[in-house]
């Protein structure tokens, strides 16, 4: 169940009306017993599957504190997240997580483990979250972040996190991977 102010419902489910192959109209139809209705072309019988969208993310810490960025884009403008975003067709999930960290916080990371895979009923996005180590760079806000800050687990701004997956992954990361590192 989404929490108050949760934005995980975004983007809305797209409405497709026409076949991408022949242009005839699509109609919701039961194709196979036990499965949900599918969009089927009335002209060529093409079945249009509404597949999920995959996102890749990374959680890392700086001097024993978890790095988060305040979003400069919707959904969740002004709320806190770890770096992440959609995987491009042909891109590996791991490469996408590393690219997003570079684009959002200007850092180079090394992925060390999988925190988890998060999906929610009725939501089109599946989120893969990695634990990572900072390899190079100092976290700073890039074009999708208003600001970047780091938090010890006890100070994570839980009510100000953007998504259910952000909360769930951070809880799992803290439980399984958090090892405070003192400044050297």
N, C-alpha and C. Protein backbone atom coordinates (compact mmCIF):
# COMPACT_ATOMS: atom_id res chain seq x y z
N UNK A 1 0.83 -1.19 0.00
CA UNK A 1 0.00 0.00 0.00
C UNK A 1 0.87 1.24 0.00
N UNK A 2 0.69 2.15 -0.93
CA UNK A 2 1.51 3.36 -0.96
C UNK A 2 1.29 4.22 0.28
N UNK A 3 2.37 4.82 0.75
CA UNK A 3 2.26 5.73 1.88
C UNK A 3 1.76 7.08 1.40
N UNK A 4 1.30 7.88 2.33
CA UNK A 4 0.81 9.20 1.99
C UNK A 4 1.89 9.99 1.28
N UNK A 5 1.55 10.60 0.17
CA UNK A 5 2.51 11.39 -0.59
C UNK A 5 3.40 10.56 -1.51
N UNK A 6 3.20 9.25 -1.52
CA UNK A 6 4.02 8.37 -2.34
C UNK A 6 3.77 8.66 -3.82
N UNK A 7 4.81 8.63 -4.62
CA UNK A 7 4.67 8.96 -6.04
C UNK A 7 4.96 7.75 -6.92
N UNK A 8 4.98 6.54 -6.35
CA UNK A 8 5.31 5.35 -7.13
C UNK A 8 4.30 5.02 -8.21
N UNK A 9 3.12 5.60 -8.16
CA UNK A 9 2.11 5.32 -9.17
C UNK A 9 2.45 5.98 -10.51
N UNK A 10 3.40 6.86 -10.53
CA UNK A 10 3.77 7.59 -11.72
C UNK A 10 4.78 6.78 -12.51
N UNK A 11 4.84 6.73 -13.82
CA UNK A 11 3.88 7.37 -14.70
C UNK A 11 2.60 6.57 -14.79
N UNK A 12 1.52 7.21 -15.21
CA UNK A 12 0.26 6.48 -15.34
C UNK A 12 0.38 5.42 -16.44
N UNK A 13 -0.43 4.37 -16.32
CA UNK A 13 -0.43 3.33 -17.33
C UNK A 13 -0.82 3.93 -18.68
N UNK A 14 -0.01 3.70 -19.71
CA UNK A 14 -0.33 4.29 -21.01
C UNK A 14 -1.57 3.65 -21.62
N UNK A 15 -2.26 4.42 -22.39
CA UNK A 15 -3.44 3.94 -23.11
C UNK A 15 -3.03 3.73 -24.56
N UNK A 16 -2.99 2.48 -24.98
CA UNK A 16 -2.66 2.17 -26.36
C UNK A 16 -3.95 1.81 -27.08
N UNK A 17 -4.14 2.40 -28.24
CA UNK A 17 -5.38 2.15 -29.00
C UNK A 17 -5.15 1.51 -30.35
N UNK A 18 -3.93 1.61 -30.88
CA UNK A 18 -3.69 1.13 -32.24
C UNK A 18 -2.51 0.16 -32.28
N UNK A 19 -2.61 -0.80 -33.17
CA UNK A 19 -1.59 -1.83 -33.36
C UNK A 19 -0.30 -1.20 -33.92
N UNK A 20 0.85 -1.49 -33.31
CA UNK A 20 2.10 -0.95 -33.84
C UNK A 20 2.54 -1.64 -35.14
N UNK A 21 1.92 -2.74 -35.50
CA UNK A 21 2.28 -3.45 -36.74
C UNK A 21 1.44 -3.01 -37.93
N UNK A 22 0.09 -2.95 -37.74
CA UNK A 22 -0.75 -2.68 -38.91
C UNK A 22 -1.65 -1.44 -38.75
N UNK A 23 -1.75 -0.89 -37.55
CA UNK A 23 -2.52 0.32 -37.35
C UNK A 23 -3.99 0.12 -37.01
N UNK A 24 -4.47 -1.12 -37.04
CA UNK A 24 -5.86 -1.36 -36.64
C UNK A 24 -6.01 -1.15 -35.14
N UNK A 25 -7.24 -1.11 -34.67
CA UNK A 25 -7.49 -0.86 -33.26
C UNK A 25 -7.13 -2.08 -32.41
N UNK A 26 -6.74 -1.79 -31.17
CA UNK A 26 -6.47 -2.83 -30.18
C UNK A 26 -7.70 -3.01 -29.33
N UNK A 27 -7.94 -4.25 -28.93
CA UNK A 27 -9.10 -4.57 -28.10
C UNK A 27 -8.63 -5.47 -26.96
N UNK A 28 -9.12 -5.20 -25.74
CA UNK A 28 -8.78 -6.03 -24.60
C UNK A 28 -9.49 -7.37 -24.75
N UNK A 29 -8.70 -8.45 -24.60
CA UNK A 29 -9.25 -9.77 -24.89
C UNK A 29 -8.53 -10.82 -24.04
N UNK A 30 -9.27 -11.84 -23.60
CA UNK A 30 -8.67 -12.95 -22.89
C UNK A 30 -8.04 -13.88 -23.92
N UNK A 31 -6.73 -14.02 -23.91
CA UNK A 31 -6.00 -14.83 -24.87
C UNK A 31 -5.82 -16.24 -24.35
N UNK A 32 -5.54 -16.35 -23.05
CA UNK A 32 -5.27 -17.64 -22.43
C UNK A 32 -5.90 -17.67 -21.04
N UNK A 33 -6.61 -18.75 -20.75
CA UNK A 33 -7.26 -18.89 -19.44
C UNK A 33 -6.22 -18.78 -18.33
N UNK A 34 -6.58 -18.07 -17.28
CA UNK A 34 -5.70 -17.92 -16.13
C UNK A 34 -4.75 -16.73 -16.23
N UNK A 35 -4.70 -16.09 -17.36
CA UNK A 35 -3.86 -14.90 -17.54
C UNK A 35 -4.75 -13.68 -17.61
N UNK A 36 -4.17 -12.49 -17.40
CA UNK A 36 -4.99 -11.28 -17.54
C UNK A 36 -5.35 -11.04 -19.01
N UNK A 37 -6.35 -10.20 -19.22
CA UNK A 37 -6.68 -9.82 -20.59
C UNK A 37 -5.50 -9.08 -21.20
N UNK A 38 -5.33 -9.25 -22.51
CA UNK A 38 -4.24 -8.61 -23.25
C UNK A 38 -4.83 -7.71 -24.32
N UNK A 39 -4.04 -6.77 -24.79
CA UNK A 39 -4.46 -5.95 -25.93
C UNK A 39 -4.16 -6.74 -27.20
N UNK A 40 -5.19 -6.95 -28.02
CA UNK A 40 -5.06 -7.74 -29.25
C UNK A 40 -5.55 -6.91 -30.42
N UNK A 41 -4.79 -6.97 -31.51
CA UNK A 41 -5.15 -6.22 -32.72
C UNK A 41 -6.37 -6.85 -33.38
N UNK A 42 -7.32 -6.01 -33.75
CA UNK A 42 -8.53 -6.48 -34.43
C UNK A 42 -8.28 -6.79 -35.90
N UNK A 43 -7.11 -6.39 -36.42
CA UNK A 43 -6.79 -6.63 -37.82
C UNK A 43 -5.88 -7.83 -38.04
N UNK A 44 -4.75 -7.89 -37.28
CA UNK A 44 -3.76 -8.94 -37.54
C UNK A 44 -3.57 -9.91 -36.37
N UNK A 45 -4.33 -9.72 -35.29
CA UNK A 45 -4.26 -10.57 -34.09
C UNK A 45 -2.94 -10.47 -33.32
N UNK A 46 -2.15 -9.43 -33.59
CA UNK A 46 -0.93 -9.19 -32.82
C UNK A 46 -1.30 -8.96 -31.36
N UNK A 47 -0.58 -9.61 -30.44
CA UNK A 47 -0.82 -9.42 -29.00
C UNK A 47 0.20 -8.39 -28.51
N UNK A 48 -0.32 -7.29 -27.97
CA UNK A 48 0.51 -6.19 -27.48
C UNK A 48 0.68 -6.37 -25.97
N UNK A 49 1.85 -6.87 -25.57
CA UNK A 49 2.12 -7.10 -24.14
C UNK A 49 2.58 -5.80 -23.51
N UNK A 50 2.01 -5.45 -22.38
CA UNK A 50 2.44 -4.28 -21.62
C UNK A 50 3.49 -4.76 -20.62
N UNK A 51 4.74 -4.80 -21.09
CA UNK A 51 5.84 -5.29 -20.28
C UNK A 51 6.26 -4.26 -19.24
N UNK A 52 6.87 -4.72 -18.14
CA UNK A 52 7.35 -3.78 -17.13
C UNK A 52 8.57 -3.02 -17.63
N UNK A 53 8.86 -1.92 -16.98
CA UNK A 53 10.05 -1.12 -17.25
C UNK A 53 11.05 -1.41 -16.15
N UNK A 54 12.32 -1.54 -16.49
CA UNK A 54 13.37 -1.89 -15.54
C UNK A 54 14.17 -0.65 -15.15
N UNK A 55 14.41 -0.50 -13.85
CA UNK A 55 15.24 0.58 -13.34
C UNK A 55 16.40 -0.03 -12.55
N UNK A 56 17.56 0.64 -12.57
CA UNK A 56 18.75 0.19 -11.86
C UNK A 56 19.23 1.31 -10.95
N UNK A 57 19.62 0.95 -9.73
CA UNK A 57 20.01 1.93 -8.73
C UNK A 57 21.22 1.44 -7.94
N UNK A 58 21.87 2.34 -7.24
CA UNK A 58 23.01 1.98 -6.39
C UNK A 58 22.97 2.77 -5.10
N UNK A 59 23.24 2.08 -4.01
CA UNK A 59 23.36 2.72 -2.69
C UNK A 59 24.83 2.62 -2.29
N UNK A 60 25.40 3.74 -1.89
CA UNK A 60 26.79 3.75 -1.45
C UNK A 60 26.94 4.71 -0.28
N UNK A 61 28.06 4.59 0.42
CA UNK A 61 28.27 5.52 1.51
C UNK A 61 29.58 6.26 1.34
N UNK A 62 29.64 7.40 2.00
CA UNK A 62 30.80 8.26 2.00
C UNK A 62 31.17 8.49 3.46
N UNK A 63 32.35 8.05 3.84
CA UNK A 63 32.80 8.20 5.22
C UNK A 63 31.77 7.68 6.22
N UNK A 64 31.17 6.52 5.90
CA UNK A 64 30.23 5.89 6.81
C UNK A 64 28.82 6.45 6.77
N UNK A 65 28.55 7.34 5.85
CA UNK A 65 27.22 7.95 5.73
C UNK A 65 26.65 7.63 4.36
N UNK A 66 25.36 7.35 4.29
CA UNK A 66 24.69 6.96 3.05
C UNK A 66 24.39 8.19 2.21
N UNK A 67 24.85 8.17 0.96
CA UNK A 67 24.67 9.31 0.05
C UNK A 67 23.28 9.27 -0.58
N UNK A 68 22.58 10.40 -0.50
CA UNK A 68 21.26 10.55 -1.12
C UNK A 68 21.22 11.88 -1.87
N UNK A 69 20.39 11.93 -2.88
CA UNK A 69 20.20 13.16 -3.64
C UNK A 69 18.74 13.60 -3.56
N UNK A 70 18.53 14.91 -3.50
CA UNK A 70 17.18 15.46 -3.53
C UNK A 70 16.81 15.68 -4.99
N UNK A 71 15.72 15.05 -5.44
CA UNK A 71 15.34 15.04 -6.86
C UNK A 71 15.01 16.44 -7.39
N UNK A 72 15.51 16.71 -8.61
CA UNK A 72 15.22 17.96 -9.30
C UNK A 72 14.24 17.72 -10.45
N UNK A 73 13.65 16.52 -10.50
CA UNK A 73 12.70 16.16 -11.56
C UNK A 73 11.52 15.42 -10.95
N UNK A 74 10.44 15.39 -11.69
CA UNK A 74 9.29 14.58 -11.33
C UNK A 74 9.50 13.18 -11.88
N UNK A 75 8.94 12.19 -11.26
CA UNK A 75 8.14 12.26 -10.05
C UNK A 75 9.02 12.42 -8.81
N UNK A 76 8.43 12.90 -7.77
CA UNK A 76 9.14 13.03 -6.50
C UNK A 76 10.04 14.24 -6.39
N UNK A 77 9.73 15.30 -7.12
CA UNK A 77 10.55 16.51 -7.06
C UNK A 77 10.75 16.92 -5.60
N UNK A 78 12.01 17.17 -5.22
CA UNK A 78 12.33 17.63 -3.87
C UNK A 78 12.46 16.53 -2.84
N UNK A 79 12.20 15.30 -3.21
CA UNK A 79 12.32 14.18 -2.27
C UNK A 79 13.66 13.49 -2.44
N UNK A 80 14.07 12.72 -1.43
CA UNK A 80 15.39 12.08 -1.41
C UNK A 80 15.36 10.69 -2.03
N UNK A 81 16.43 10.38 -2.77
CA UNK A 81 16.63 9.06 -3.38
C UNK A 81 18.13 8.77 -3.46
N UNK A 82 18.46 7.52 -3.70
CA UNK A 82 19.82 7.16 -4.09
C UNK A 82 19.83 7.19 -5.62
N UNK A 83 21.01 7.25 -6.26
CA UNK A 83 21.03 7.37 -7.72
C UNK A 83 20.44 6.15 -8.41
N UNK A 84 19.68 6.40 -9.47
CA UNK A 84 19.08 5.32 -10.23
C UNK A 84 18.20 5.84 -11.34
N UNK A 85 17.86 4.95 -12.25
CA UNK A 85 16.98 5.33 -13.35
C UNK A 85 16.76 4.16 -14.28
N UNK A 86 16.10 4.43 -15.37
CA UNK A 86 15.71 3.38 -16.31
C UNK A 86 16.90 2.80 -17.06
N UNK A 87 16.82 1.50 -17.32
CA UNK A 87 17.81 0.79 -18.11
C UNK A 87 17.43 0.97 -19.58
N UNK A 88 18.39 1.36 -20.40
CA UNK A 88 18.14 1.52 -21.83
C UNK A 88 18.20 0.16 -22.52
N UNK A 89 17.43 0.01 -23.58
CA UNK A 89 17.45 -1.23 -24.35
C UNK A 89 18.88 -1.51 -24.79
N UNK A 90 19.35 -2.75 -24.55
CA UNK A 90 20.70 -3.15 -24.93
C UNK A 90 21.76 -2.85 -23.88
N UNK A 91 21.41 -2.14 -22.83
CA UNK A 91 22.34 -1.79 -21.76
C UNK A 91 22.21 -2.83 -20.65
N UNK A 92 23.31 -3.21 -20.02
CA UNK A 92 23.20 -4.12 -18.89
C UNK A 92 22.65 -3.36 -17.68
N UNK A 93 22.04 -4.09 -16.78
CA UNK A 93 21.48 -3.48 -15.58
C UNK A 93 22.61 -2.86 -14.76
N UNK A 94 23.74 -3.56 -14.68
CA UNK A 94 24.88 -3.05 -13.92
C UNK A 94 25.42 -1.75 -14.53
N UNK A 95 25.55 -1.71 -15.84
CA UNK A 95 26.03 -0.50 -16.52
C UNK A 95 25.08 0.68 -16.29
N UNK A 96 23.79 0.39 -16.29
CA UNK A 96 22.81 1.45 -16.06
C UNK A 96 22.95 2.03 -14.65
N UNK A 97 23.14 1.18 -13.65
CA UNK A 97 23.31 1.66 -12.27
C UNK A 97 24.54 2.56 -12.16
N UNK A 98 25.64 2.15 -12.79
CA UNK A 98 26.87 2.95 -12.76
C UNK A 98 26.69 4.26 -13.52
N UNK A 99 26.02 4.21 -14.67
CA UNK A 99 25.77 5.42 -15.47
C UNK A 99 24.92 6.42 -14.69
N UNK A 100 23.87 5.92 -14.05
CA UNK A 100 22.98 6.81 -13.29
C UNK A 100 23.73 7.50 -12.15
N UNK A 101 24.63 6.79 -11.47
CA UNK A 101 25.42 7.41 -10.40
C UNK A 101 26.30 8.53 -10.95
N UNK A 102 26.89 8.29 -12.12
CA UNK A 102 27.71 9.31 -12.79
C UNK A 102 26.86 10.51 -13.17
N UNK A 103 25.70 10.26 -13.79
CA UNK A 103 24.84 11.34 -14.27
C UNK A 103 24.21 12.15 -13.14
N UNK A 104 23.85 11.49 -12.06
CA UNK A 104 23.11 12.18 -11.00
C UNK A 104 23.98 12.77 -9.91
N UNK A 105 25.14 12.12 -9.62
CA UNK A 105 25.98 12.59 -8.52
C UNK A 105 27.44 12.78 -8.90
N UNK A 106 27.80 12.52 -10.17
CA UNK A 106 29.16 12.74 -10.62
C UNK A 106 30.19 11.82 -10.00
N UNK A 107 29.80 10.60 -9.64
CA UNK A 107 30.72 9.68 -9.00
C UNK A 107 30.89 8.40 -9.81
N UNK A 108 32.04 7.75 -9.60
CA UNK A 108 32.31 6.44 -10.16
C UNK A 108 32.18 5.44 -9.03
N UNK A 109 31.40 4.39 -9.28
CA UNK A 109 31.16 3.38 -8.26
C UNK A 109 31.64 2.01 -8.73
N UNK A 110 31.81 1.12 -7.78
CA UNK A 110 32.05 -0.29 -8.04
C UNK A 110 30.91 -1.03 -7.36
N UNK A 111 30.13 -1.79 -8.13
CA UNK A 111 29.02 -2.55 -7.56
C UNK A 111 29.59 -3.74 -6.79
N UNK A 112 29.07 -3.96 -5.59
CA UNK A 112 29.61 -5.02 -4.73
C UNK A 112 28.62 -6.14 -4.44
N UNK A 113 27.34 -5.88 -4.52
CA UNK A 113 26.34 -6.89 -4.19
C UNK A 113 24.96 -6.39 -4.64
N UNK A 114 24.00 -7.27 -4.56
CA UNK A 114 22.62 -6.89 -4.86
C UNK A 114 21.89 -6.67 -3.54
N UNK A 115 21.31 -5.50 -3.39
CA UNK A 115 20.49 -5.22 -2.21
C UNK A 115 19.16 -5.94 -2.36
N UNK A 116 18.57 -5.85 -3.55
CA UNK A 116 17.31 -6.53 -3.80
C UNK A 116 16.67 -6.11 -5.10
N UNK A 117 15.62 -6.83 -5.44
CA UNK A 117 14.79 -6.52 -6.61
C UNK A 117 13.41 -6.19 -6.05
N UNK A 118 12.89 -5.03 -6.41
CA UNK A 118 11.65 -4.53 -5.82
C UNK A 118 10.60 -4.31 -6.91
N UNK A 119 9.43 -4.89 -6.68
CA UNK A 119 8.29 -4.68 -7.57
C UNK A 119 7.03 -4.62 -6.72
N UNK A 120 6.02 -3.95 -7.23
CA UNK A 120 4.81 -3.70 -6.46
C UNK A 120 3.58 -3.94 -7.33
N UNK A 121 2.54 -4.54 -6.78
CA UNK A 121 1.34 -4.82 -7.57
C UNK A 121 0.79 -3.55 -8.23
N UNK A 122 0.45 -3.68 -9.51
CA UNK A 122 -0.16 -2.57 -10.23
C UNK A 122 0.81 -1.49 -10.69
N UNK A 123 2.10 -1.66 -10.42
CA UNK A 123 3.08 -0.64 -10.80
C UNK A 123 3.96 -1.17 -11.92
N UNK A 124 4.26 -0.35 -12.92
CA UNK A 124 4.94 -0.84 -14.12
C UNK A 124 6.46 -0.96 -14.02
N UNK A 125 7.07 -0.53 -12.91
CA UNK A 125 8.53 -0.50 -12.83
C UNK A 125 9.04 -1.58 -11.87
N UNK A 126 10.07 -2.31 -12.32
CA UNK A 126 10.80 -3.26 -11.49
C UNK A 126 12.15 -2.61 -11.21
N UNK A 127 12.55 -2.55 -9.93
CA UNK A 127 13.75 -1.83 -9.53
C UNK A 127 14.79 -2.81 -9.01
N UNK A 128 15.99 -2.78 -9.60
CA UNK A 128 17.12 -3.57 -9.13
C UNK A 128 18.06 -2.60 -8.42
N UNK A 129 18.36 -2.91 -7.15
CA UNK A 129 19.20 -2.01 -6.35
C UNK A 129 20.48 -2.75 -5.94
N UNK A 130 21.61 -2.09 -6.20
CA UNK A 130 22.92 -2.64 -5.86
C UNK A 130 23.51 -1.92 -4.67
N UNK A 131 24.35 -2.62 -3.89
CA UNK A 131 25.24 -2.00 -2.93
C UNK A 131 26.50 -1.67 -3.72
N UNK A 132 27.12 -0.54 -3.42
CA UNK A 132 28.29 -0.12 -4.19
C UNK A 132 29.31 0.57 -3.28
N UNK A 133 30.52 0.65 -3.80
CA UNK A 133 31.60 1.39 -3.14
C UNK A 133 31.96 2.58 -4.00
N UNK A 134 32.26 3.69 -3.37
CA UNK A 134 32.72 4.89 -4.07
C UNK A 134 34.15 4.65 -4.54
N UNK A 135 34.40 4.81 -5.84
CA UNK A 135 35.72 4.60 -6.42
C UNK A 135 36.40 5.93 -6.70
N UNK A 136 35.63 6.88 -7.24
CA UNK A 136 36.20 8.19 -7.58
C UNK A 136 35.12 9.26 -7.57
N UNK A 137 35.55 10.46 -7.27
CA UNK A 137 34.64 11.60 -7.29
C UNK A 137 34.09 11.92 -5.92
N UNK A 138 33.56 13.12 -5.82
CA UNK A 138 32.87 13.57 -4.62
C UNK A 138 31.42 13.77 -4.99
N UNK A 139 30.49 13.14 -4.28
CA UNK A 139 29.07 13.31 -4.65
C UNK A 139 28.67 14.78 -4.69
N UNK A 140 28.08 15.16 -5.80
CA UNK A 140 27.63 16.53 -5.98
C UNK A 140 26.37 16.52 -6.84
N UNK A 141 25.52 17.52 -6.69
CA UNK A 141 24.30 17.54 -7.49
C UNK A 141 24.60 17.80 -8.97
N UNK A 142 24.09 16.94 -9.80
CA UNK A 142 24.19 17.14 -11.25
C UNK A 142 22.81 17.56 -11.75
N UNK A 143 22.50 17.35 -13.00
CA UNK A 143 21.27 17.93 -13.56
C UNK A 143 19.97 17.36 -13.01
N UNK A 144 19.98 16.21 -12.36
CA UNK A 144 18.73 15.66 -11.82
C UNK A 144 18.62 15.77 -10.30
N UNK A 145 19.59 16.45 -9.67
CA UNK A 145 19.58 16.60 -8.20
C UNK A 145 19.62 18.06 -7.81
N UNK A 146 18.81 18.42 -6.83
CA UNK A 146 18.86 19.76 -6.26
C UNK A 146 20.02 19.89 -5.30
N UNK A 147 20.27 18.82 -4.55
CA UNK A 147 21.38 18.79 -3.60
C UNK A 147 21.72 17.34 -3.31
N UNK A 148 22.91 17.13 -2.77
CA UNK A 148 23.35 15.81 -2.35
C UNK A 148 23.80 15.94 -0.90
N UNK A 149 23.43 14.95 -0.10
CA UNK A 149 23.85 14.92 1.30
C UNK A 149 24.07 13.47 1.69
N UNK A 150 24.76 13.27 2.80
CA UNK A 150 24.95 11.91 3.29
C UNK A 150 24.46 11.83 4.73
N UNK A 151 23.90 10.66 5.05
CA UNK A 151 23.22 10.48 6.33
C UNK A 151 23.65 9.19 7.01
N UNK A 152 23.88 9.24 8.33
CA UNK A 152 24.01 7.97 9.04
C UNK A 152 22.62 7.32 9.07
N UNK A 153 22.55 6.00 9.22
CA UNK A 153 21.23 5.34 9.17
C UNK A 153 20.18 5.95 10.10
N UNK A 154 20.60 6.37 11.26
CA UNK A 154 19.64 6.90 12.23
C UNK A 154 19.12 8.29 11.85
N UNK A 155 19.72 8.92 10.84
CA UNK A 155 19.27 10.25 10.41
C UNK A 155 18.71 10.28 9.00
N UNK A 156 18.50 9.11 8.38
CA UNK A 156 17.90 9.07 7.04
C UNK A 156 16.54 9.77 7.11
N UNK A 157 16.26 10.68 6.19
CA UNK A 157 14.97 11.40 6.22
C UNK A 157 13.83 10.52 5.68
N UNK A 158 13.47 9.50 6.44
CA UNK A 158 12.48 8.50 5.99
C UNK A 158 11.19 9.11 5.46
N UNK A 159 10.58 10.10 6.12
CA UNK A 159 9.32 10.66 5.59
C UNK A 159 9.51 11.44 4.28
N UNK A 160 10.75 11.82 3.96
CA UNK A 160 11.01 12.62 2.77
C UNK A 160 11.58 11.81 1.60
N UNK A 161 11.50 10.47 1.68
CA UNK A 161 11.99 9.63 0.60
C UNK A 161 10.93 9.56 -0.50
N UNK A 162 11.37 9.50 -1.75
CA UNK A 162 10.46 9.62 -2.89
C UNK A 162 9.59 8.39 -3.14
N UNK A 163 10.12 7.19 -2.98
CA UNK A 163 9.41 6.01 -3.44
C UNK A 163 9.39 4.90 -2.40
N UNK A 164 8.42 4.02 -2.49
CA UNK A 164 8.39 2.83 -1.63
C UNK A 164 9.67 2.03 -1.81
N UNK A 165 10.13 1.92 -3.05
CA UNK A 165 11.36 1.15 -3.31
C UNK A 165 12.57 1.81 -2.64
N UNK A 166 12.59 3.13 -2.54
CA UNK A 166 13.69 3.81 -1.86
C UNK A 166 13.69 3.41 -0.40
N UNK A 167 12.53 3.46 0.25
CA UNK A 167 12.42 3.07 1.65
C UNK A 167 12.79 1.60 1.85
N UNK A 168 12.21 0.74 1.02
CA UNK A 168 12.43 -0.71 1.18
C UNK A 168 13.90 -1.07 0.96
N UNK A 169 14.52 -0.50 -0.07
CA UNK A 169 15.92 -0.80 -0.36
C UNK A 169 16.85 -0.25 0.71
N UNK A 170 16.59 0.96 1.19
CA UNK A 170 17.44 1.52 2.25
C UNK A 170 17.33 0.69 3.53
N UNK A 171 16.14 0.26 3.87
CA UNK A 171 15.98 -0.60 5.05
C UNK A 171 16.80 -1.88 4.90
N UNK A 172 16.72 -2.48 3.72
CA UNK A 172 17.46 -3.72 3.46
C UNK A 172 18.97 -3.46 3.44
N UNK A 173 19.40 -2.38 2.84
CA UNK A 173 20.82 -2.03 2.80
C UNK A 173 21.37 -1.84 4.21
N UNK A 174 20.66 -1.08 5.01
CA UNK A 174 21.12 -0.83 6.38
C UNK A 174 21.18 -2.15 7.15
N UNK A 175 20.18 -2.98 6.97
CA UNK A 175 20.13 -4.26 7.68
C UNK A 175 21.28 -5.18 7.28
N UNK A 176 21.57 -5.26 5.98
CA UNK A 176 22.53 -6.25 5.49
C UNK A 176 23.93 -5.74 5.23
N UNK A 177 24.07 -4.48 4.82
CA UNK A 177 25.36 -4.03 4.31
C UNK A 177 26.00 -2.86 5.05
N UNK A 178 25.26 -2.19 5.89
CA UNK A 178 25.81 -0.97 6.44
C UNK A 178 26.97 -1.26 7.38
N UNK A 179 28.11 -0.72 7.01
CA UNK A 179 29.33 -0.80 7.83
C UNK A 179 29.89 0.60 7.89
N UNK A 180 29.68 1.30 8.97
CA UNK A 180 30.21 2.67 9.04
C UNK A 180 31.72 2.66 8.82
N UNK A 181 32.19 3.60 8.05
CA UNK A 181 33.63 3.77 7.81
C UNK A 181 34.04 5.12 8.37
N UNK A 182 35.05 5.09 9.16
CA UNK A 182 35.50 6.37 9.73
C UNK A 182 36.33 7.11 8.68
N UNK A 183 36.33 8.42 8.80
CA UNK A 183 37.13 9.24 7.88
C UNK A 183 38.59 8.93 8.12
N UNK A 184 39.37 8.82 7.04
CA UNK A 184 40.79 8.50 7.22
C UNK A 184 41.64 9.71 7.29
